[in-house]
Amino acid sequence: MSHHRGTPAGSAPGTRVPSRGRRANRRRALSQNFLTDPSVARWLVRLAAPGRDDLVIEVGPGDGALTRFLAPVCGTLLCYEIDPGFAARLAKRYRAVPSVRVISGDFLDSRTPRAPFSVVANIPYSITSDIVDWCLRAPTLTSATLITQVEYARKRTGGFGRWSRLTVRTWPWFEWTLAGRVPRDRFFPVPRVDAGVLRLRRRPVPLVPDHLAGAYRHFVDTGFSGVGGCLHASLRRDHPRRRLDAAFRAAGVDPRRVVAFVPPDRWVDLFLHLHGT
């Protein structure tokens, strides 16, 4: 994976850095932590489960640790690599494989494919949120299987007993799961923390009707506004107490529950009860 160029820390102009040290410094400057365990790469591809006719995007393939296992099992593989050196080497390696296309450029500047597609990647930690946001905005995305910092994956999947606004806001359309943990020593350079495998899967049928999508997002934003210190108090801005009390009873939510501790499926139930669906 790769992103962000810069001068390796501690290297003055003209200073000769030993070969391995130079490579390690360059990877850190690019926010790169390459996967070094083939068994983890194979497991990630099995988890993503691309089909023989499927379109898959890999973000920041680097030296191709995932590419080698993705290429044989999907219909078309688009590899976005921002580092021109890695892109050139990967393109040369797969020049005889017509199903693999290496694109030298920033994935975040790419257009969404018109056909259904999935994303499988060991992504740069520094731009995790940007990549996840891109995936959530892509109307034809079916799933994303991403290696992220384990803390990020746990935060988005309720692993700390709390749920983020982003997860709740997108829950009617996407299922968020933490599929596993990868020890930090399976990467080089070795990062400071373990990695987690975050899975985003688009639901075949949304939990909220499309015509109520805007109303649901407003509902969540109001709930997370912090007014009153609990979800019930925040929602009182938009709903009469009696109707709100009935919805909380029907959804099985304690009115005193702090906003972040309400699971996303309960938010959906509350919303649907309040909107009579």
Protein backbone atom coordinates (compact mmCIF):
# COMPACT_ATOMS: atom_id res chain seq x y z
CA MET A 1 0.00 0.00 0.00
CA SER A 2 1.22 3.49 -0.61
CA HIS A 3 0.40 7.12 -0.19
CA HIS A 4 2.04 10.44 0.63
CA ARG A 5 5.56 11.16 -0.50
CA GLY A 6 8.18 12.79 1.69
CA THR A 7 11.83 12.85 2.69
CA PRO A 8 12.76 9.85 4.87
CA ALA A 9 13.09 11.01 8.46
CA GLY A 10 16.67 11.46 9.63
CA SER A 11 18.16 11.56 6.11
CA ALA A 12 20.03 14.73 5.24
CA PRO A 13 20.61 15.62 1.56
CA GLY A 14 23.48 13.58 0.18
CA THR A 15 23.46 11.11 3.09
CA ARG A 16 23.90 7.52 2.00
CA VAL A 17 21.39 5.19 3.64
CA PRO A 18 21.99 1.42 3.62
CA SER A 19 19.78 -0.37 1.09
CA ARG A 20 17.35 -2.02 3.53
CA GLY A 21 17.19 1.11 5.67
CA ARG A 22 16.55 3.28 2.62
CA ARG A 23 13.68 1.06 1.51
CA ALA A 24 12.19 1.02 5.02
CA ASN A 25 12.40 4.81 5.34
CA ARG A 26 10.80 5.28 1.93
CA ARG A 27 7.93 2.98 2.85
CA ARG A 28 7.31 4.90 6.07
CA ALA A 29 7.34 8.16 4.13
CA LEU A 30 4.68 6.70 1.83
CA SER A 31 2.66 5.40 4.80
CA GLN A 32 3.36 1.83 3.67
CA ASN A 33 3.20 -1.34 5.73
CA PHE A 34 3.49 -4.24 3.33
CA LEU A 35 1.86 -7.56 4.15
CA THR A 36 4.57 -10.20 4.43
CA ASP A 37 2.55 -13.29 5.35
CA PRO A 38 1.12 -15.12 2.29
CA SER A 39 -1.30 -17.08 4.48
CA VAL A 40 -2.94 -13.83 5.60
CA ALA A 41 -3.17 -12.68 1.96
CA ARG A 42 -4.82 -15.97 0.95
CA TRP A 43 -7.25 -15.75 3.86
CA LEU A 44 -8.20 -12.17 2.95
CA VAL A 45 -8.95 -13.17 -0.65
CA ARG A 46 -11.03 -16.15 0.49
CA LEU A 47 -12.94 -13.81 2.81
CA ALA A 48 -13.64 -11.37 -0.03
CA ALA A 49 -14.67 -14.34 -2.22
CA PRO A 50 -14.57 -12.69 -5.66
CA GLY A 51 -16.17 -14.67 -8.48
CA ARG A 52 -14.63 -15.61 -11.82
CA ASP A 53 -16.59 -12.89 -13.59
CA ASP A 54 -16.29 -10.19 -10.92
CA LEU A 55 -14.64 -6.79 -11.14
CA VAL A 56 -12.28 -6.13 -8.22
CA ILE A 57 -10.31 -3.02 -7.31
CA GLU A 58 -7.14 -3.30 -5.25
CA VAL A 59 -5.93 -0.09 -3.62
CA GLY A 60 -2.18 0.36 -3.19
CA PRO A 61 -0.94 -3.10 -4.20
CA GLY A 62 2.70 -2.13 -3.58
CA ASP A 63 4.80 -5.19 -4.32
CA GLY A 64 1.75 -7.35 -5.09
CA ALA A 65 1.33 -9.43 -1.92
CA LEU A 66 -2.45 -9.53 -2.44
CA THR A 67 -2.39 -9.18 -6.22
CA ARG A 68 -0.85 -12.62 -6.72
CA PHE A 69 -3.84 -14.25 -5.01
CA LEU A 70 -6.53 -11.94 -6.41
CA ALA A 71 -5.50 -12.14 -10.07
CA PRO A 72 -6.34 -15.83 -10.59
CA VAL A 73 -9.80 -15.74 -8.99
CA CYS A 74 -11.59 -12.68 -10.39
CA GLY A 75 -12.70 -11.58 -13.84
CA THR A 76 -10.98 -8.18 -13.92
CA LEU A 77 -8.56 -6.71 -11.41
CA LEU A 78 -7.83 -2.97 -11.37
CA CYS A 79 -4.77 -2.11 -9.28
CA TYR A 80 -4.39 1.55 -8.28
CA GLU A 81 -0.81 2.33 -7.21
CA ILE A 82 0.29 5.89 -6.50
CA ASP A 83 4.00 5.07 -6.41
CA PRO A 84 5.27 5.03 -10.03
CA GLY A 85 8.09 2.60 -9.23
CA PHE A 86 5.80 -0.04 -7.78
CA ALA A 87 3.24 0.58 -10.52
CA ALA A 88 5.83 0.03 -13.25
CA ARG A 89 7.13 -3.19 -11.71
CA LEU A 90 3.65 -4.57 -11.14
CA ALA A 91 2.57 -3.68 -14.70
CA LYS A 92 5.63 -5.47 -16.07
CA ARG A 93 4.94 -8.55 -13.96
CA TYR A 94 1.33 -8.80 -15.19
CA ARG A 95 1.72 -7.53 -18.74
CA ALA A 96 0.84 -10.98 -20.10
CA VAL A 97 -2.28 -11.24 -17.90
CA PRO A 98 -5.10 -9.39 -19.70
CA SER A 99 -7.43 -9.51 -16.70
CA VAL A 100 -5.04 -7.38 -14.60
CA ARG A 101 -4.73 -3.67 -15.24
CA VAL A 102 -2.28 -1.58 -13.22
CA ILE A 103 -3.18 2.10 -12.98
CA SER A 104 -0.46 4.51 -11.89
CA GLY A 105 -2.34 7.13 -9.91
CA ASP A 106 -4.32 7.98 -6.82
CA PHE A 107 -7.30 5.71 -6.20
CA LEU A 108 -9.15 8.57 -4.50
CA ASP A 109 -9.21 10.44 -7.81
CA SER A 110 -10.71 7.49 -9.69
CA ARG A 111 -14.23 7.25 -11.04
CA THR A 112 -16.68 4.69 -9.77
CA PRO A 113 -17.08 1.77 -12.18
CA ARG A 114 -20.49 1.53 -13.80
CA ALA A 115 -20.56 -2.22 -13.26
CA PRO A 116 -20.85 -3.83 -9.83
CA PHE A 117 -17.46 -4.19 -8.16
CA SER A 118 -15.73 -4.92 -4.88
CA VAL A 119 -12.64 -3.48 -3.19
CA VAL A 120 -9.98 -5.65 -1.58
CA ALA A 121 -6.96 -3.90 -0.12
CA ASN A 122 -4.31 -3.46 2.51
CA ILE A 123 -4.84 0.27 2.74
CA PRO A 124 -2.64 3.09 4.02
CA TYR A 125 -3.65 3.83 7.60
CA SER A 126 -3.27 7.57 7.05
CA ILE A 127 -6.09 7.71 4.51
CA THR A 128 -8.38 4.99 5.87
CA SER A 129 -11.32 7.37 6.37
CA ASP A 130 -10.97 8.79 2.85
CA ILE A 131 -10.99 5.32 1.29
CA VAL A 132 -13.95 4.16 3.37
CA ASP A 133 -15.89 7.32 2.43
CA TRP A 134 -15.12 6.70 -1.26
CA CYS A 135 -16.46 3.16 -0.94
CA LEU A 136 -19.64 4.29 0.82
CA ARG A 137 -20.35 6.84 -1.92
CA ALA A 138 -19.84 4.37 -4.75
CA PRO A 139 -23.32 3.36 -5.96
CA THR A 140 -22.14 0.12 -7.61
CA LEU A 141 -19.92 -1.13 -4.77
CA THR A 142 -21.02 -4.55 -3.51
CA SER A 143 -18.43 -5.04 -0.77
CA ALA A 144 -15.10 -3.83 0.60
CA THR A 145 -12.62 -6.02 2.45
CA LEU A 146 -10.00 -3.74 3.99
CA ILE A 147 -6.99 -4.16 6.25
CA THR A 148 -7.05 -1.17 8.61
CA GLN A 149 -5.76 -0.37 12.07
CA VAL A 150 -7.61 -2.67 14.44
CA GLU A 151 -8.77 0.30 16.53
CA TYR A 152 -10.46 1.83 13.50
CA ALA A 153 -12.20 -1.43 12.60
CA ARG A 154 -13.38 -1.93 16.18
CA LYS A 155 -14.63 1.65 16.41
CA ARG A 156 -16.76 1.23 13.30
CA THR A 157 -18.17 -2.19 14.28
CA GLY A 158 -19.13 -1.64 17.91
CA GLY A 159 -16.07 -3.42 19.26
CA PHE A 160 -15.75 -1.00 22.16
CA GLY A 161 -19.44 -1.26 23.05
CA ARG A 162 -20.00 2.07 21.29
CA TRP A 163 -21.19 2.85 17.77
CA SER A 164 -19.99 5.70 15.58
CA ARG A 165 -22.32 8.06 13.76
CA LEU A 166 -20.92 6.95 10.39
CA THR A 167 -21.82 3.33 11.08
CA VAL A 168 -25.32 4.19 12.30
CA ARG A 169 -25.88 6.60 9.41
CA THR A 170 -25.02 3.98 6.77
CA TRP A 171 -26.37 0.88 8.52
CA PRO A 172 -29.60 0.63 6.48
CA TRP A 173 -27.46 0.19 3.35
CA PHE A 174 -24.23 -1.39 4.59
CA GLU A 175 -23.37 -4.10 7.07
CA TRP A 176 -20.15 -3.38 9.00
CA THR A 177 -18.22 -6.29 10.52
CA LEU A 178 -14.80 -6.92 12.02
CA ALA A 179 -13.75 -10.12 10.29
CA GLY A 180 -10.50 -10.72 12.13
CA ARG A 181 -7.27 -9.40 13.55
CA VAL A 182 -3.81 -9.49 11.96
CA PRO A 183 -0.73 -9.26 14.23
CA ARG A 184 1.48 -6.29 13.49
CA ASP A 185 4.52 -8.49 12.89
CA ARG A 186 2.93 -9.72 9.65
CA PHE A 187 3.86 -6.40 8.02
CA PHE A 188 7.04 -4.57 7.06
CA PRO A 189 7.87 -2.03 8.27
CA VAL A 190 6.22 -3.28 11.46
CA PRO A 191 3.47 -0.80 12.49
CA ARG A 192 2.87 0.20 16.09
CA VAL A 193 -0.49 -1.57 16.35
CA ASP A 194 -2.18 -4.72 15.09
CA ALA A 195 -4.41 -4.60 12.03
CA GLY A 196 -8.06 -5.47 11.70
CA VAL A 197 -9.99 -6.70 8.68
CA LEU A 198 -13.01 -4.50 8.12
CA ARG A 199 -15.83 -5.80 5.95
CA LEU A 200 -18.41 -3.55 4.33
CA ARG A 201 -21.22 -5.33 2.51
CA ARG A 202 -24.06 -3.62 0.70
CA ARG A 203 -27.42 -5.02 1.69
CA PRO A 204 -29.45 -6.54 -1.17
CA VAL A 205 -32.53 -4.78 0.21
CA PRO A 206 -32.06 -1.58 2.27
CA LEU A 207 -33.51 -1.58 5.78
CA VAL A 208 -34.96 1.89 5.13
CA PRO A 209 -36.95 2.71 1.97
CA ASP A 210 -35.07 4.90 -0.50
CA HIS A 211 -37.58 7.72 -0.27
CA LEU A 212 -36.87 8.00 3.46
CA ALA A 213 -33.06 7.96 3.16
CA GLY A 214 -32.69 11.70 3.75
CA ALA A 215 -35.08 11.61 6.69
CA TYR A 216 -33.14 8.74 8.27
CA ARG A 217 -29.81 10.58 7.97
CA HIS A 218 -31.39 13.67 9.54
CA PHE A 219 -32.78 11.47 12.31
CA VAL A 220 -29.30 10.10 13.08
CA ASP A 221 -27.67 13.53 12.96
CA THR A 222 -30.28 14.85 15.38
CA GLY A 223 -29.73 11.89 17.70
CA PHE A 224 -25.99 12.48 17.75
CA SER A 225 -26.38 16.21 18.35
CA GLY A 226 -25.67 15.77 22.06
CA VAL A 227 -28.69 17.75 23.22
CA GLY A 228 -29.87 16.48 26.60
CA GLY A 229 -27.16 13.83 26.99
CA CYS A 230 -29.23 10.85 25.79
CA LEU A 231 -30.90 9.74 22.56
CA HIS A 232 -34.44 10.29 23.80
CA ALA A 233 -33.68 13.89 24.81
CA SER A 234 -31.98 14.66 21.50
CA LEU A 235 -34.88 13.30 19.46
CA ARG A 236 -37.39 15.38 21.45
CA ARG A 237 -36.36 18.29 19.21
CA ASP A 238 -38.25 16.69 16.33
CA HIS A 239 -40.84 14.37 17.92
CA PRO A 240 -43.57 14.68 20.57
CA ARG A 241 -42.78 12.90 23.85
CA ARG A 242 -45.77 10.54 23.69
CA ARG A 243 -44.93 9.33 20.20
CA LEU A 244 -41.26 9.04 21.10
CA ASP A 245 -42.04 7.03 24.25
CA ALA A 246 -44.12 4.59 22.20
CA ALA A 247 -41.34 4.16 19.63
CA PHE A 248 -38.73 3.51 22.33
CA ARG A 249 -40.97 0.87 23.92
CA ALA A 250 -41.64 -0.82 20.59
CA ALA A 251 -37.93 -0.85 19.68
CA GLY A 252 -36.87 -2.06 23.12
CA VAL A 253 -34.59 0.90 23.80
CA ASP A 254 -34.14 2.40 27.25
CA PRO A 255 -34.99 6.14 26.95
CA ARG A 256 -32.05 6.92 29.25
CA ARG A 257 -29.55 5.17 26.97
CA VAL A 258 -26.58 7.30 25.93
CA VAL A 259 -26.53 7.84 22.17
CA ALA A 260 -23.29 5.99 21.33
CA PHE A 261 -24.42 2.85 23.17
CA VAL A 262 -27.54 2.33 21.05
CA PRO A 263 -26.82 -0.36 18.41
CA PRO A 264 -27.52 0.62 14.79
CA ASP A 265 -30.33 -1.89 14.31
CA ARG A 266 -32.18 -0.23 17.23
CA TRP A 267 -31.78 3.14 15.50
CA VAL A 268 -33.43 1.69 12.41
CA ASP A 269 -36.29 0.23 14.46
CA LEU A 270 -36.85 3.54 16.23
CA PHE A 271 -36.90 5.42 12.94
CA LEU A 272 -39.34 3.02 11.28
CA HIS A 273 -41.69 3.13 14.28
CA LEU A 274 -41.65 6.93 14.27
CA HIS A 275 -42.36 7.02 10.54
CA GLY A 276 -45.09 4.39 10.66
CA THR A 277 -43.40 1.88 8.35
